[in-house]
C-alpha atoms as a PDB file:
ATOM      1  CA  SER A   1     133.894  66.524  92.240  1.00  0.00           C
ATOM      2  CA  ILE A   2     132.257  63.355  90.981  1.00  0.00           C
ATOM      3  CA  ASP A   3     130.422  61.054  93.392  1.00  0.00           C
ATOM      4  CA  PHE A   4     128.660  58.733  90.966  1.00  0.00           C
ATOM      5  CA  ILE A   5     128.934  57.764  87.311  1.00  0.00           C
ATOM      6  CA  ILE A   6     125.647  56.215  86.174  1.00  0.00           C
ATOM      7  CA  ALA A   7     125.037  54.286  82.963  1.00  0.00           C
ATOM      8  CA  SER A   8     122.019  52.220  81.996  1.00  0.00           C
ATOM      9  CA  ASP A   9     121.683  49.805  79.070  1.00  0.00           C
ATOM     10  CA  VAL A  10     124.747  51.157  77.269  1.00  0.00           C
ATOM     11  CA  VAL A  11     126.876  48.028  76.732  1.00  0.00           C
ATOM     12  CA  PHE A  12     124.420  45.583  75.167  1.00  0.00           C
ATOM     13  CA  LEU A  13     126.786  45.163  72.211  1.00  0.00           C
ATOM     14  CA  ALA A  14     130.229  43.822  73.083  1.00  0.00           C
ATOM     15  CA  SER A  15     131.868  46.509  70.928  1.00  0.00           C
ATOM     16  CA  MET A  16     130.501  49.254  73.235  1.00  0.00           C
ATOM     17  CA  MET A  17     132.115  48.128  76.481  1.00  0.00           C
ATOM     18  CA  LYS A  18     135.751  49.136  75.876  1.00  0.00           C
ATOM     19  CA  SER A  19     134.863  52.737  74.966  1.00  0.00           C
ATOM     20  CA  LEU A  20     132.596  53.110  77.983  1.00  0.00           C
ATOM     21  CA  PHE A  21     135.163  51.616  80.355  1.00  0.00           C
ATOM     22  CA  ASP A  22     137.942  53.812  78.872  1.00  0.00           C
ATOM     23  CA  THR A  23     135.783  56.868  79.621  1.00  0.00           C
ATOM     24  CA  VAL A  24     135.004  55.673  83.148  1.00  0.00           C
ATOM     25  CA  GLU A  25     138.707  54.992  83.731  1.00  0.00           C
ATOM     26  CA  ALA A  26     139.536  58.580  82.727  1.00  0.00           C
ATOM     27  CA  LEU A  27     136.924  59.842  85.198  1.00  0.00           C
ATOM     28  CA  PHE A  28     138.309  57.596  87.936  1.00  0.00           C
ATOM     29  CA  GLN A  29     141.821  58.949  87.277  1.00  0.00           C
ATOM     30  CA  THR A  30     140.735  62.589  87.489  1.00  0.00           C
ATOM     31  CA  SER A  31     138.760  61.958  90.701  1.00  0.00           C
ATOM     32  CA  LYS A  32     141.289  59.931  92.696  1.00  0.00           C
ATOM     33  CA  GLY A  33     140.708  61.726  96.013  1.00  0.00           C
ATOM     34  CA  ASN A  34     136.942  61.443  95.740  1.00  0.00           C
ATOM     35  CA  LYS A  35     136.674  57.710  94.852  1.00  0.00           C
ATOM     36  CA  PRO A  36     133.470  57.794  92.750  1.00  0.00           C
ATOM     37  CA  SER A  37     131.264  54.750  92.193  1.00  0.00           C
ATOM     38  CA  PHE A  38     130.262  53.634  88.710  1.00  0.00           C
ATOM     39  CA  ILE A  39     126.685  52.313  88.753  1.00  0.00           C
ATOM     40  CA  LEU A  40     126.005  50.167  85.692  1.00  0.00           C
ATOM     41  CA  SER A  41     122.611  48.738  84.817  1.00  0.00           C
ATOM     42  CA  PHE A  42     122.958  45.854  82.388  1.00  0.00           C
ATOM     43  CA  GLN A  43     120.317  43.678  80.684  1.00  0.00           C
ATOM     44  CA  LYS A  44     121.478  40.221  79.669  1.00  0.00           C
ATOM     45  CA  ARG A  45     120.819  39.671  75.959  1.00  0.00           C
ATOM     46  CA  ASP A  46     123.086  36.686  75.236  1.00  0.00           C
ATOM     47  CA  ALA A  47     120.578  33.865  75.860  1.00  0.00           C
ATOM     48  CA  GLN A  48     121.053  32.326  72.404  1.00  0.00           C
ATOM     49  CA  ASP A  49     124.840  32.274  72.524  1.00  0.00           C
ATOM     50  CA  GLY A  50     125.474  31.772  76.242  1.00  0.00           C
ATOM     51  CA  THR A  51     128.751  33.052  77.619  1.00  0.00           C
ATOM     52  CA  ASP A  52     130.448  32.925  74.205  1.00  0.00           C
ATOM     53  CA  SER A  53     128.315  35.528  72.434  1.00  0.00           C
ATOM     54  CA  ILE A  54     130.257  37.456  69.798  1.00  0.00           C
ATOM     55  CA  ALA A  55     127.740  40.268  69.319  1.00  0.00           C
ATOM     56  CA  PHE A  56     126.233  40.763  72.765  1.00  0.00           C
ATOM     57  CA  THR A  57     127.963  41.647  76.011  1.00  0.00           C
ATOM     58  CA  THR A  58     127.747  38.809  78.513  1.00  0.00           C
ATOM     59  CA  VAL A  59     127.757  38.950  82.302  1.00  0.00           C
ATOM     60  CA  ASP A  60     131.075  37.067  82.217  1.00  0.00           C
ATOM     61  CA  GLY A  61     132.370  39.666  79.763  1.00  0.00           C
ATOM     62  CA  VAL A  62     131.463  42.547  82.090  1.00  0.00           C
ATOM     63  CA  LEU A  63     133.082  40.791  85.060  1.00  0.00           C
ATOM     64  CA  ALA A  64     136.264  40.034  83.099  1.00  0.00           C
ATOM     65  CA  ALA A  65     136.568  43.581  81.724  1.00  0.00           C
ATOM     66  CA  VAL A  66     136.175  45.060  85.207  1.00  0.00           C
ATOM     67  CA  ARG A  67     138.746  42.732  86.753  1.00  0.00           C
ATOM     68  CA  GLU A  68     141.236  43.309  83.893  1.00  0.00           C
ATOM     69  CA  ARG A  69     141.332  46.971  84.901  1.00  0.00           C
ATOM     70  CA  GLY A  70     141.918  46.151  88.565  1.00  0.00           C
ATOM     71  CA  TRP A  71     138.488  47.418  89.581  1.00  0.00           C
ATOM     72  CA  THR A  72     136.052  45.836  92.005  1.00  0.00           C
ATOM     73  CA  ILE A  73     132.465  44.918  91.160  1.00  0.00           C
ATOM     74  CA  GLU A  74     129.466  44.201  93.354  1.00  0.00           C
ATOM     75  CA  CYS A  75     126.002  43.191  92.198  1.00  0.00           C
ATOM     76  CA  LEU A  76     123.601  45.565  93.973  1.00  0.00           C
ATOM     77  CA  ALA A  77     120.443  44.135  92.420  1.00  0.00           C
ATOM     78  CA  TRP A  78     119.282  41.473  90.010  1.00  0.00           C
ATOM     79  CA  ARG A  79     115.860  40.558  88.708  1.00  0.00           C
ATOM     80  CA  THR A  80     114.025  38.844  85.936  1.00  0.00           C
ATOM     81  CA  VAL A  81     111.976  41.162  83.719  1.00  0.00           C
ATOM     82  CA  ALA A  82     109.348  40.565  81.050  1.00  0.00           C
ATOM     83  CA  VAL A  83     110.486  41.390  77.508  1.00  0.00           C
ATOM     84  CA  LYS A  84     109.300  40.967  73.936  1.00  0.00           C
ATOM     85  CA  LYS A  85     111.631  38.997  71.652  1.00  0.00           C
ATOM     86  CA  GLU A  86     111.531  38.415  67.932  1.00  0.00           C
ATOM     87  CA  ASP A  87     112.186  34.871  66.703  1.00  0.00           C
ATOM     88  CA  GLU A  88     113.777  33.765  63.420  1.00  0.00           C
ATOM     89  CA  THR A  89     110.452  34.065  61.570  1.00  0.00           C
ATOM     90  CA  GLY A  90     109.845  37.648  62.722  1.00  0.00           C
ATOM     91  CA  SER A  91     107.134  36.698  65.206  1.00  0.00           C
ATOM     92  CA  VAL A  92     107.219  38.580  68.490  1.00  0.00           C
ATOM     93  CA  LYS A  93     106.723  36.578  71.654  1.00  0.00           C
ATOM     94  CA  ASP A  94     106.727  37.192  75.382  1.00  0.00           C
ATOM     95  CA  ASP A  95     109.926  36.155  77.130  1.00  0.00           C
ATOM     96  CA  THR A  96     112.079  37.025  80.126  1.00  0.00           C
ATOM     97  CA  SER A  97     115.521  38.483  80.575  1.00  0.00           C
ATOM     98  CA  GLU A  98     117.769  39.313  83.508  1.00  0.00           C
ATOM     99  CA  VAL A  99     118.726  42.829  84.579  1.00  0.00           C
ATOM    100  CA  PHE A 100     121.689  43.519  86.850  1.00  0.00           C
ATOM    101  CA  VAL A 101     122.750  46.667  88.684  1.00  0.00           C
ATOM    102  CA  PHE A 102     126.476  46.664  89.423  1.00  0.00           C
ATOM    103  CA  GLU A 103     128.581  49.012  91.517  1.00  0.00           C
ATOM    104  CA  ILE A 104     132.085  49.259  90.094  1.00  0.00           C
ATOM    105  CA  LYS A 105     134.968  50.987  91.860  1.00  0.00           C
ATOM    106  CA  ASP A 106     138.586  51.677  91.081  1.00  0.00           C
ATOM    107  CA  ALA A 107     140.376  49.557  93.693  1.00  0.00           C
ATOM    108  CA  THR A 108     143.607  51.453  93.046  1.00  0.00           C
ATOM    109  CA  SER A 109     142.212  54.890  93.960  1.00  0.00           C
ATOM    110  CA  SER A 110     142.831  56.315  97.407  1.00  0.00           C
ATOM    111  CA  SER A 111     140.441  58.110  99.748  1.00  0.00           C
END
């Protein structure tokens, strides 16, 4: 039986989210009686493009994808972290980013 599904930093590109969520959905469906939690750690990388980023997964994108599947989502933790970022010229500079830890559950599963 599955209690937790844990994924960290695996959906930074928007193209990765559907495949991950399809896999999680399959695990939810095979574990209906157990009601596992999906713990997803996600670093925001869309600062340049805001909520309309084409390449990077956005927080709004994660929330929308979860809700489209009828799942629930709760932010367990959030914090700003120090990161190194490369600018257009190739220079690396110190910057900050946000990291979220979400708990996602299948609201349609029964206990």
